[in-house]
Amino acid sequence: MAGKSKSATQNYNELRALTKKLLKEGKKKQRKGQDESEQLFEDDPRAAQEQDFGRVRKNSTYVFSRNILSDL
């Protein structure tokens, strides 16, 4: 049993180290490769000309839920 948990821990630690490495490399590429203006989202120019028709109803939604504190 102890051998299984040790290998699982080792696998977890290897995966964690790999994830950190990939995230660090991604941040470096992001800093070097792209300008901030390329990262911004640009809206479709056709969307500015759209007109919404119809009735808009804004009703608040309340979902009843019980928890431990509601019984006190």
Protein backbone atom coordinates (compact mmCIF):
# COMPACT_ATOMS: atom_id res chain seq x y z
CA MET A 1 0.00 0.00 0.00
CA ALA A 2 2.77 2.44 0.89
CA GLY A 3 4.39 1.91 -2.52
CA LYS A 4 1.24 2.95 -4.34
CA SER A 5 0.83 6.19 -2.44
CA LYS A 6 4.51 7.02 -2.91
CA SER A 7 4.31 6.57 -6.67
CA ALA A 8 1.06 8.55 -6.78
CA THR A 9 2.74 11.34 -4.83
CA GLN A 10 5.72 11.22 -7.15
CA ASN A 11 3.46 11.36 -10.23
CA TYR A 12 1.58 14.29 -8.72
CA ASN A 13 4.79 16.18 -8.02
CA GLU A 14 6.11 15.53 -11.54
CA LEU A 15 2.84 16.74 -13.04
CA ARG A 16 2.89 19.81 -10.83
CA ALA A 17 6.47 20.66 -11.85
CA LEU A 18 5.63 20.19 -15.54
CA THR A 19 2.57 22.42 -15.24
CA LYS A 20 4.59 25.17 -13.56
CA LYS A 21 7.23 24.93 -16.28
CA LEU A 22 4.65 25.18 -19.08
CA LEU A 23 2.92 28.14 -17.45
CA LYS A 24 6.23 29.93 -17.02
CA GLU A 25 7.15 29.34 -20.68
CA GLY A 26 3.72 30.55 -21.78
CA LYS A 27 4.16 33.79 -19.84
CA LYS A 28 7.57 34.37 -21.42
CA LYS A 29 6.16 33.83 -24.92
CA GLN A 30 3.28 36.13 -24.17
CA ARG A 31 5.60 38.90 -23.02
CA LYS A 32 7.96 38.58 -25.99
CA GLY A 33 5.72 37.62 -28.87
CA GLN A 34 2.62 39.76 -28.66
CA ASP A 35 1.87 43.41 -28.34
CA GLU A 36 -0.85 44.40 -25.87
CA SER A 37 -2.95 45.83 -28.68
CA GLU A 38 -3.10 42.36 -30.26
CA GLN A 39 -4.54 40.90 -27.07
CA LEU A 40 -7.54 43.24 -26.97
CA PHE A 41 -10.85 42.05 -28.32
CA GLU A 42 -12.31 44.06 -31.16
CA ASP A 43 -16.06 44.04 -31.63
CA ASP A 44 -17.56 43.27 -35.02
CA PRO A 45 -18.36 46.59 -36.76
CA ARG A 46 -21.73 45.20 -37.84
CA ALA A 47 -22.73 44.90 -34.18
CA ALA A 48 -22.70 48.70 -33.74
CA GLN A 49 -25.38 49.01 -36.41
CA GLU A 50 -27.68 46.32 -35.01
CA GLN A 51 -30.92 47.36 -33.41
CA ASP A 52 -32.67 45.25 -30.83
CA PHE A 53 -36.43 45.09 -31.11
CA GLY A 54 -38.98 43.78 -28.68
CA ARG A 55 -39.74 43.87 -25.01
CA VAL A 56 -37.05 43.30 -22.43
CA ARG A 57 -38.13 41.93 -19.08
CA LYS A 58 -35.74 42.06 -16.18
CA ASN A 59 -37.12 39.93 -13.38
CA SER A 60 -34.95 39.02 -10.45
CA THR A 61 -34.60 35.33 -9.77
CA TYR A 62 -34.61 33.94 -6.26
CA VAL A 63 -33.80 30.32 -5.64
CA PHE A 64 -34.90 29.07 -2.24
CA SER A 65 -32.29 26.99 -0.53
CA ARG A 66 -31.94 25.56 2.91
CA ASN A 67 -28.74 25.28 4.85
CA ILE A 68 -27.66 24.58 8.40
CA LEU A 69 -27.95 28.21 9.47
CA SER A 70 -31.53 28.58 8.24
CA ASP A 71 -32.73 26.16 10.93
CA LEU A 72 -31.28 28.25 13.79
